Protein backbone atom coordinates (compact mmCIF):
# COMPACT_ATOMS: atom_id res chain seq x y z
CA UNK A 1 8.99 -21.72 -26.15
CA UNK A 2 5.72 -23.76 -26.01
CA UNK A 3 2.76 -22.77 -28.37
CA UNK A 4 0.63 -20.35 -28.08
CA UNK A 5 -3.14 -20.38 -26.85
CA UNK A 6 -5.29 -18.71 -29.45
CA UNK A 7 -7.63 -17.68 -26.57
CA UNK A 8 -6.82 -17.56 -23.02
CA UNK A 9 -8.83 -17.28 -20.62
CA UNK A 10 -6.41 -15.88 -17.95
CA UNK A 11 -2.60 -14.67 -18.16
CA UNK A 12 -0.50 -15.53 -14.76
CA UNK A 13 2.12 -13.14 -14.61
CA UNK A 14 5.22 -14.25 -11.96
CA UNK A 15 7.89 -11.70 -11.44
CA UNK A 16 11.33 -13.64 -10.78
CA UNK A 17 14.90 -13.19 -9.63
CA UNK A 18 17.72 -15.96 -8.76
CA UNK A 19 15.12 -18.46 -7.85
CA UNK A 20 15.35 -20.72 -10.41
CA UNK A 21 14.52 -23.91 -7.90
CA UNK A 22 11.36 -21.80 -6.39
CA UNK A 23 9.70 -20.91 -9.53
CA UNK A 24 10.48 -24.91 -10.72
CA UNK A 25 7.63 -25.99 -7.70
CA UNK A 26 5.46 -22.88 -8.41
CA UNK A 27 5.34 -23.85 -12.22
CA UNK A 28 4.88 -28.08 -11.29
CA UNK A 29 1.96 -26.70 -9.47
CA UNK A 30 0.32 -24.67 -12.48
CA UNK A 31 0.46 -27.49 -14.20
CA UNK A 32 -1.77 -29.34 -11.58
CA UNK A 33 -4.49 -26.62 -12.63
CA UNK A 34 -7.90 -28.52 -12.68
CA UNK A 35 -8.99 -26.00 -15.10
CA UNK A 36 -6.61 -27.97 -17.40
CA UNK A 37 -3.33 -25.47 -19.10
CA UNK A 38 -5.17 -25.05 -22.50
CA UNK A 39 -7.08 -22.49 -20.59
CA UNK A 40 -4.14 -20.08 -19.71
CA UNK A 41 -0.67 -19.01 -20.20
CA UNK A 42 2.21 -18.22 -18.38
CA UNK A 43 4.23 -15.36 -18.62
CA UNK A 44 7.66 -15.37 -16.42
CA UNK A 45 9.00 -11.72 -16.18
CA UNK A 46 13.27 -12.06 -14.96
CA UNK A 47 14.07 -9.01 -13.45
CA UNK A 48 17.62 -9.25 -14.40
CA UNK A 49 18.79 -12.92 -13.53
CA UNK A 50 21.54 -15.11 -14.08
CA UNK A 51 20.81 -17.85 -12.89
CA UNK A 52 19.37 -21.55 -14.67
CA UNK A 53 14.83 -19.59 -14.59
CA UNK A 54 15.23 -19.97 -18.67
CA UNK A 55 16.16 -22.78 -18.08
CA UNK A 56 13.55 -23.73 -15.49
CA UNK A 57 10.94 -22.27 -17.95
CA UNK A 58 11.61 -24.64 -20.51
CA UNK A 59 11.62 -27.58 -18.59
CA UNK A 60 7.57 -26.61 -19.05
CA UNK A 61 7.27 -25.76 -22.49
CA UNK A 62 5.76 -28.55 -23.55
CA UNK A 63 3.57 -29.36 -20.47
CA UNK A 64 2.04 -24.77 -20.34
CA UNK A 65 1.72 -23.14 -22.69
CA UNK A 66 4.49 -20.46 -21.65
CA UNK A 67 6.95 -17.89 -22.26
CA UNK A 68 9.97 -16.13 -20.52
CA UNK A 69 10.83 -12.29 -21.11
CA UNK A 70 13.99 -10.88 -19.09
CA UNK A 71 15.08 -6.99 -18.01
CA UNK A 72 18.00 -5.70 -17.32
CA UNK A 73 19.13 -5.58 -13.80
CA UNK A 74 18.68 -2.22 -12.61
CA UNK A 75 17.82 -2.91 -8.99
CA UNK A 76 15.03 -4.57 -7.91
CA UNK A 77 12.03 -3.58 -10.42
CA UNK A 78 9.20 -5.82 -9.68
CA UNK A 79 6.63 -3.81 -11.02
CA UNK A 80 8.46 -3.12 -14.50
CA UNK A 81 8.81 -6.34 -14.74
CA UNK A 82 4.95 -7.27 -13.58
CA UNK A 83 3.81 -4.41 -16.30
CA UNK A 84 6.60 -6.33 -19.33
CA UNK A 85 5.15 -9.21 -18.78
CA UNK A 86 0.97 -8.40 -18.58
CA UNK A 87 1.89 -6.15 -21.40
CA UNK A 88 2.23 -9.95 -23.66
CA UNK A 89 -0.96 -11.31 -21.65
CA UNK A 90 -3.15 -12.43 -24.38
CA UNK A 91 -5.78 -13.19 -21.98
CA UNK A 92 -8.70 -10.19 -20.35
CA UNK A 93 -7.79 -11.58 -16.95
CA UNK A 94 -4.25 -11.01 -15.03
CA UNK A 95 -3.94 -12.89 -12.12
CA UNK A 96 -0.51 -12.02 -10.49
CA UNK A 97 1.27 -14.44 -8.27
CA UNK A 98 5.20 -14.03 -7.10
CA UNK A 99 7.70 -16.77 -7.44
CA UNK A 100 7.73 -19.34 -4.78
CA UNK A 101 4.46 -19.74 -4.22
CA UNK A 102 2.20 -23.24 -4.61
CA UNK A 103 -0.70 -22.51 -6.29
CA UNK A 104 -3.70 -24.97 -4.81
CA UNK A 105 -5.16 -26.76 -7.70
CA UNK A 106 -8.34 -25.35 -8.14
CA UNK A 107 -6.20 -21.75 -7.85
CA UNK A 108 -7.29 -20.50 -11.23
CA UNK A 109 -10.31 -21.90 -11.38
CA UNK A 110 -11.25 -19.74 -8.63
CA UNK A 111 -10.25 -16.55 -10.10
CA UNK A 112 -12.41 -16.96 -13.14
CA UNK A 113 -15.35 -17.71 -11.12
CA UNK A 114 -14.41 -14.78 -8.77
CA UNK A 115 -15.12 -12.97 -12.15
CA UNK A 116 -18.43 -13.99 -13.91
CA UNK A 117 -20.31 -11.37 -12.33
CA UNK A 118 -20.20 -8.06 -14.27
CA UNK A 119 -18.49 -6.39 -11.63
CA UNK A 120 -15.38 -4.43 -11.94
CA UNK A 121 -13.46 -5.85 -8.67
CA UNK A 122 -9.32 -6.96 -8.11
CA UNK A 123 -9.31 -10.16 -6.15
CA UNK A 124 -7.31 -10.72 -3.88
CA UNK A 125 -6.25 -14.69 -3.08
CA UNK A 126 -5.29 -16.35 0.56
CA UNK A 127 -2.08 -16.91 1.01
CA UNK A 128 -1.32 -19.45 3.96
CA UNK A 129 1.98 -20.13 5.41
CA UNK A 130 2.52 -15.86 4.62
CA UNK A 131 3.93 -14.32 7.36
CA UNK A 132 7.83 -14.72 6.46
CA UNK A 133 8.62 -12.12 9.77
CA UNK A 134 7.32 -14.92 12.55
CA UNK A 135 7.20 -18.42 9.80
CA UNK A 136 5.54 -21.15 11.12
CA UNK A 137 8.01 -23.68 12.96
CA UNK A 138 7.94 -26.63 11.41
CA UNK A 139 5.93 -26.41 7.98
CA UNK A 140 8.84 -26.05 5.84
CA UNK A 141 9.39 -29.93 4.83
CA UNK A 142 5.81 -30.43 4.90
CA UNK A 143 5.75 -27.85 1.87
CA UNK A 144 8.41 -29.22 0.25
CA UNK A 145 7.74 -32.82 0.61
CA UNK A 146 3.95 -32.51 -0.22
CA UNK A 147 1.27 -31.62 -1.97
CA UNK A 148 -0.03 -28.04 -1.46
CA UNK A 149 -3.47 -29.29 -1.03
CA UNK A 150 -1.92 -32.16 1.61
CA UNK A 151 0.17 -29.34 3.47
CA UNK A 152 -2.77 -27.25 4.21
CA UNK A 153 -5.12 -29.78 5.04
CA UNK A 154 -2.84 -30.47 7.62
CA UNK A 155 -2.64 -27.20 9.05
CA UNK A 156 -4.94 -24.96 7.54
CA UNK A 157 -6.56 -24.49 11.42
CA UNK A 158 -3.04 -23.46 12.83
CA UNK A 159 -3.60 -19.62 13.42
CA UNK A 160 0.52 -19.78 12.63
CA UNK A 161 0.13 -20.88 9.09
CA UNK A 162 -2.35 -18.51 8.35
CA UNK A 163 -1.89 -15.33 5.52
CA UNK A 164 -0.50 -12.81 8.29
CA UNK A 165 -4.08 -10.23 6.84
CA UNK A 166 -6.49 -13.07 8.04
CA UNK A 167 -6.53 -11.39 11.94
CA UNK A 168 -7.29 -8.47 9.97
CA UNK A 169 -9.65 -9.83 7.48
CA UNK A 170 -11.28 -11.67 9.64
CA UNK A 171 -14.08 -9.35 11.85
CA UNK A 172 -15.28 -7.39 8.42
CA UNK A 173 -15.99 -11.32 7.55
CA UNK A 174 -13.20 -11.06 4.83
CA UNK A 175 -14.69 -8.51 2.89
CA UNK A 176 -12.20 -6.00 1.99
CA UNK A 177 -14.93 -3.18 1.47
CA UNK A 178 -16.27 -2.90 4.89
CA UNK A 179 -13.06 -1.20 5.60
CA UNK A 180 -11.61 2.36 5.12
CA UNK A 181 -9.39 1.18 3.17
CA UNK A 182 -10.43 -1.88 1.12
CA UNK A 183 -7.37 -1.93 -1.42
CA UNK A 184 -4.46 -1.55 1.27
CA UNK A 185 -3.96 -5.66 1.61
CA UNK A 186 -3.86 -6.22 -1.95
CA UNK A 187 -0.80 -7.81 -2.26
CA UNK A 188 0.93 -9.13 -5.25
CA UNK A 189 1.89 -12.72 -3.58
CA UNK A 190 -1.44 -13.45 -5.61
CA UNK A 191 -4.54 -11.22 -7.46
CA UNK A 192 -6.37 -10.97 -9.86
CA UNK A 193 -7.69 -8.52 -12.11
CA UNK A 194 -8.89 -7.44 -15.70
CA UNK A 195 -6.43 -6.76 -18.18
CA UNK A 196 -8.07 -2.91 -18.92
CA UNK A 197 -9.09 -2.25 -15.39
CA UNK A 198 -4.67 -2.90 -15.09
CA UNK A 199 -3.87 -0.16 -18.26
CA UNK A 200 -7.18 1.82 -17.40
CA UNK A 201 -5.10 2.40 -13.74
CA UNK A 202 -1.88 2.37 -15.70
CA UNK A 203 -0.26 -0.10 -14.35
CA UNK A 204 2.20 -0.65 -12.23
CA UNK A 205 4.57 2.85 -11.37
CA UNK A 206 7.50 1.65 -13.18
CA UNK A 207 9.36 4.55 -11.14
CA UNK A 208 9.51 2.50 -7.68
CA UNK A 209 12.57 0.25 -7.06
CA UNK A 210 13.48 -1.32 -4.43
CA UNK A 211 10.84 -4.06 -2.13
CA UNK A 212 7.70 -2.69 -1.39
CA UNK A 213 4.44 0.31 -1.52
CA UNK A 214 4.46 -0.30 -5.57
CA UNK A 215 1.40 -2.41 -5.47
CA UNK A 216 -0.73 -0.37 -2.54
CA UNK A 217 -0.33 2.47 -4.55
CA UNK A 218 -1.59 0.62 -8.28
CA UNK A 219 -4.77 -0.73 -5.31
CA UNK A 220 -5.39 2.50 -4.20
CA UNK A 221 -5.20 3.79 -8.30
CA UNK A 222 -7.44 1.14 -8.90
CA UNK A 223 -9.54 2.01 -6.19
CA UNK A 224 -9.75 5.63 -7.69
CA UNK A 225 -11.73 4.79 -10.28
CA UNK A 226 -14.39 2.62 -8.90
CA UNK A 227 -12.92 -0.65 -8.95
CA UNK A 228 -13.98 -3.32 -6.05
CA UNK A 229 -11.98 -5.37 -3.92
CA UNK A 230 -12.83 -9.17 -2.52
CA UNK A 231 -11.35 -12.04 -0.92
CA UNK A 232 -11.96 -15.42 -1.70
CA UNK A 233 -10.07 -17.94 0.90
CA UNK A 234 -10.73 -20.77 -1.83
CA UNK A 235 -8.07 -19.16 -4.72
CA UNK A 236 -5.24 -20.07 -2.14
CA UNK A 237 -1.80 -20.34 -2.70
CA UNK A 238 0.94 -21.60 0.11
CA UNK A 239 3.89 -19.37 0.49
CA UNK A 240 7.60 -21.37 -0.01
CA UNK A 241 9.50 -20.34 3.45
CA UNK A 242 12.98 -17.94 2.34
CA UNK A 243 15.46 -16.39 3.72
CA UNK A 244 15.29 -12.35 2.96
CA UNK A 245 16.87 -9.67 4.20
CA UNK A 246 14.23 -7.74 6.00
CA UNK A 247 16.62 -5.27 7.25
CA UNK A 248 16.61 -4.10 3.59
CA UNK A 249 13.43 -4.88 2.33
CA UNK A 250 12.29 -2.73 4.78
CA UNK A 251 14.80 0.21 4.50
CA UNK A 252 13.14 0.41 0.91
CA UNK A 253 9.78 0.35 2.04
CA UNK A 254 10.42 3.54 4.09
CA UNK A 255 11.75 5.09 0.59
CA UNK A 256 8.52 4.10 -1.10
CA UNK A 257 6.14 5.20 1.00
CA UNK A 258 7.91 8.52 1.07
CA UNK A 259 7.56 8.22 -2.95
CA UNK A 260 4.01 7.28 -2.20
CA UNK A 261 3.15 10.05 0.17
CA UNK A 262 4.20 12.56 -2.91
CA UNK A 263 2.14 11.09 -5.25
CA UNK A 264 -0.56 11.41 -3.90
CA UNK A 265 -0.40 14.17 -0.73
CA UNK A 266 -3.47 13.89 1.40
CA UNK A 267 -3.91 12.44 5.12
CA UNK A 268 -4.43 8.74 4.76
CA UNK A 269 -1.01 8.89 3.17
CA UNK A 270 0.53 10.79 5.54
CA UNK A 271 -0.84 8.12 8.35
CA UNK A 272 0.71 5.50 5.63
CA UNK A 273 3.80 6.78 5.43
CA UNK A 274 4.98 7.11 9.23
CA UNK A 275 3.33 3.89 9.88
CA UNK A 276 5.55 2.33 7.91
CA UNK A 277 7.95 4.40 9.25
CA UNK A 278 7.62 3.67 12.74
CA UNK A 279 7.13 -0.38 11.79
CA UNK A 280 3.50 -1.00 12.25
CA UNK A 281 2.25 -0.70 8.61
CA UNK A 282 -0.17 -2.94 8.98
CA UNK A 283 -1.98 -0.69 11.40
CA UNK A 284 -3.11 1.95 8.41
CA UNK A 285 -6.29 1.24 8.38
CA UNK A 286 -7.30 1.22 12.17
CA UNK A 287 -5.64 4.26 12.18
CA UNK A 288 -7.69 5.29 9.19
CA UNK A 289 -10.80 5.15 10.50
CA UNK A 290 -10.08 6.92 13.88
CA UNK A 291 -9.30 9.71 11.91
CA UNK A 292 -12.22 9.66 10.04
CA UNK A 293 -14.28 8.98 13.26
CA UNK A 294 -12.37 12.30 14.31
CA UNK A 295 -13.01 14.45 11.03
CA UNK A 296 -16.59 14.11 11.89
CA UNK A 297 -16.34 14.78 15.96
CA UNK A 298 -13.93 18.28 15.08
CA UNK A 299 -16.16 19.27 11.80
CA UNK A 300 -17.76 22.27 14.03
CA UNK A 301 -14.35 23.21 16.44
CA UNK A 302 -14.18 26.99 15.42
CA UNK A 303 -10.32 27.46 15.75
CA UNK A 304 -10.79 31.33 14.81
CA UNK A 305 -9.68 32.84 17.81
CA UNK A 306 -7.05 30.63 18.37
CA UNK A 307 -5.56 31.25 15.14
CA UNK A 308 -6.08 35.10 15.40
CA UNK A 309 -4.09 35.02 18.96
CA UNK A 310 -1.44 32.93 17.23
CA UNK A 311 -0.83 34.93 14.94
CA UNK A 312 -0.69 38.27 17.44
CA UNK A 313 1.69 36.76 19.46
CA UNK A 314 3.34 35.47 16.45
CA UNK A 315 4.80 39.19 15.75
CA UNK A 316 4.18 41.30 12.38
CA UNK A 317 5.50 39.73 9.15
CA UNK A 318 5.79 36.63 10.79
CA UNK A 319 5.48 33.54 7.48
CA UNK A 320 3.17 31.67 9.07
CA UNK A 321 1.83 27.54 8.79
CA UNK A 322 -1.11 26.43 10.90
CA UNK A 323 -2.02 22.79 11.43
CA UNK A 324 -5.36 22.51 11.90
CA UNK A 325 -6.65 25.53 10.51
CA UNK A 326 -10.53 24.04 10.11
CA UNK A 327 -12.26 26.82 7.54
CA UNK A 328 -10.38 29.65 9.04
CA UNK A 329 -8.69 32.40 7.14
CA UNK A 330 -6.31 34.27 9.12
CA UNK A 331 -5.31 37.81 8.35
CA UNK A 332 -1.47 38.25 8.23
CA UNK A 333 0.73 40.73 6.12
CA UNK A 334 2.39 37.65 4.05
CA UNK A 335 0.36 34.41 2.97
CA UNK A 336 0.11 31.91 5.29
CA UNK A 337 0.19 28.24 4.77
CA UNK A 338 -2.69 26.23 5.47
CA UNK A 339 -2.90 22.92 6.76
CA UNK A 340 -5.95 20.41 8.30
CA UNK A 341 -7.31 16.95 7.10
CA UNK A 342 -10.74 17.75 6.50
CA UNK A 343 -11.06 18.80 2.71
CA UNK A 344 -13.85 20.66 2.48
CA UNK A 345 -12.99 23.07 5.21
CA UNK A 346 -9.44 23.76 4.18
CA UNK A 347 -11.16 24.72 0.83
CA UNK A 348 -13.33 26.77 2.65
CA UNK A 349 -10.07 28.54 4.25
CA UNK A 350 -8.41 29.07 0.66
CA UNK A 351 -11.43 30.23 -1.38
CA UNK A 352 -10.21 33.82 -1.24
CA UNK A 353 -7.00 32.94 -2.99
CA UNK A 354 -4.55 34.71 -0.18
CA UNK A 355 -3.41 31.43 1.33
CA UNK A 356 -2.03 28.72 0.08
CA UNK A 357 -3.07 25.14 1.77
CA UNK A 358 -2.58 21.15 1.95
CA UNK A 359 -3.91 18.23 2.34
CA UNK A 360 -3.00 17.11 5.86
CA UNK A 361 -2.66 16.45 9.36
CA UNK A 362 0.83 17.47 9.31
CA UNK A 363 2.95 15.17 10.37
CA UNK A 364 4.59 15.12 7.21
CA UNK A 365 4.06 17.71 4.71
CA UNK A 366 6.04 18.70 1.13
CA UNK A 367 6.85 21.95 3.09
CA UNK A 368 10.53 22.64 2.96
CA UNK A 369 13.52 22.46 5.97
CA UNK A 370 13.32 25.92 8.20
CA UNK A 371 10.35 27.83 4.85
CA UNK A 372 8.09 29.38 7.55
CA UNK A 373 8.70 31.34 11.20
CA UNK A 374 6.41 30.00 13.74
CA UNK A 375 3.86 27.19 13.18
CA UNK A 376 0.56 27.16 14.72
CA UNK A 377 -1.29 23.89 16.39
CA UNK A 378 -4.66 24.16 16.64
CA UNK A 379 -7.10 22.34 18.96
CA UNK A 380 -8.61 20.56 15.98
CA UNK A 381 -5.52 18.97 16.39
CA UNK A 382 -6.48 17.41 19.74
CA UNK A 383 -8.15 14.27 18.95
CA UNK A 384 -4.60 12.88 16.73
CA UNK A 385 -2.64 14.15 19.34
CA UNK A 386 -2.45 11.38 21.43
CA UNK A 387 -1.29 9.23 18.30
CA UNK A 388 0.93 11.36 16.61
CA UNK A 389 1.84 14.43 18.75
CA UNK A 390 6.04 13.59 18.56
CA UNK A 391 5.03 13.80 14.48
CA UNK A 392 3.56 16.52 14.49
CA UNK A 393 5.66 18.61 17.06
CA UNK A 394 8.80 16.97 14.57
CA UNK A 395 7.19 18.23 11.95
CA UNK A 396 7.15 21.63 12.80
CA UNK A 397 9.96 21.84 14.73
CA UNK A 398 12.06 20.80 10.62
CA UNK A 399 10.22 23.46 8.75
CA UNK A 400 9.66 26.42 12.00
CA UNK A 401 11.72 28.35 13.25
CA UNK A 402 9.45 28.76 16.99
CA UNK A 403 6.18 26.21 17.55
CA UNK A 404 2.95 27.83 19.03
CA UNK A 405 0.93 25.53 20.15
CA UNK A 406 -2.61 27.46 20.06
CA UNK A 407 -6.15 25.79 22.29
CA UNK A 408 -9.30 27.29 23.14
CA UNK A 409 -9.28 31.08 24.35
CA UNK A 410 -9.49 30.19 27.76
CA UNK A 411 -6.65 27.66 27.54
CA UNK A 412 -4.31 30.94 26.20
CA UNK A 413 -1.24 30.04 24.09
CA UNK A 414 1.45 28.06 25.01
CA UNK A 415 4.78 29.00 22.85
CA UNK A 416 8.38 27.84 22.20
CA UNK A 417 10.89 27.03 20.62
CA UNK A 418 10.92 24.56 17.72
CA UNK A 419 12.25 21.87 19.70
CA UNK A 420 10.19 18.07 19.44
CA UNK A 421 8.69 16.87 22.60
CA UNK A 422 9.92 13.89 23.67
CA UNK A 423 7.54 11.37 24.79
């Protein structure tokens, strides 16, 4: 389709579906990159579209080093489309860009410069106007009729035109590494990663179907391999407003976050899944920081007496799950299921091999419905219950027939049927 560069420095991967007019604008702005078109290639990965996208790509064959790949329409499979594009990449640096975003003229130059130092990193670029649930009024006409740099000159000072991550990152001077979750704001609207790091982490998990979470799940795996995350406000794009079915997207996002949790069972994923379910996913880092702080405060909380009392109350032979077990291994006739948010203390509770366990708060567990007779909630959960009480009680009622809310020995035990409290 176009002449292939012998040694491109950057491969831009753009997944798309039925957005031919929008991707024409994106490609036109890539032609204007100041680094020059001989330093990069573009791969358009079509997720089963049937519009004129191929014809649009062919329009740019003389001005960009560009290739096109199409995959069968089997639902929203943006992660698989990105992987397909990345597999064709000849450059050592991958830049993922959404169709319908307008890169500024220094966009690729900034991504390249950010990777010059020999530090393994993902570079998250700024996205002006990316606030799809509350787009800035009056901006669309300017975006569609002006070069992106002119749009930014006009609107950059208006908070309504800011990237929706702006207010979250501003308190940490736009340094993701100062957050408990440095990876959770890596969205593929605008991000760059070395191809070696991308594939070492496994690329996008192609089992995710539908909008949402596949980029965060990849970001988590990248972070697990030691990759650092930086945010470059100068590697910016402008988001072109477009219609989206948010009801459908929210539904698939919830499904995909449940899948994310199933892949990586740990308390911070429980929190993320529940926040998305409740429609407040941008609060994820805040609540993980609260969890980290409470884990330190609760480290010395000994729940042995209260759990022992709850076990006696449950009766001989009862199948028991304990949320907030700490390091205590209860003396039960049958193996218990122990959950705690402190991995070290949980390991201590399980060291004798008598019980099974899960590194979990208890707001979302892998246990089956009504799989235990009694669920014990200990005082180690006290600092988490103001926010997660309803979810804890709902989960306890799902997996158990009865809930025992154990408190300190002085406070006694509250026992009740497995029905969640109404807050």
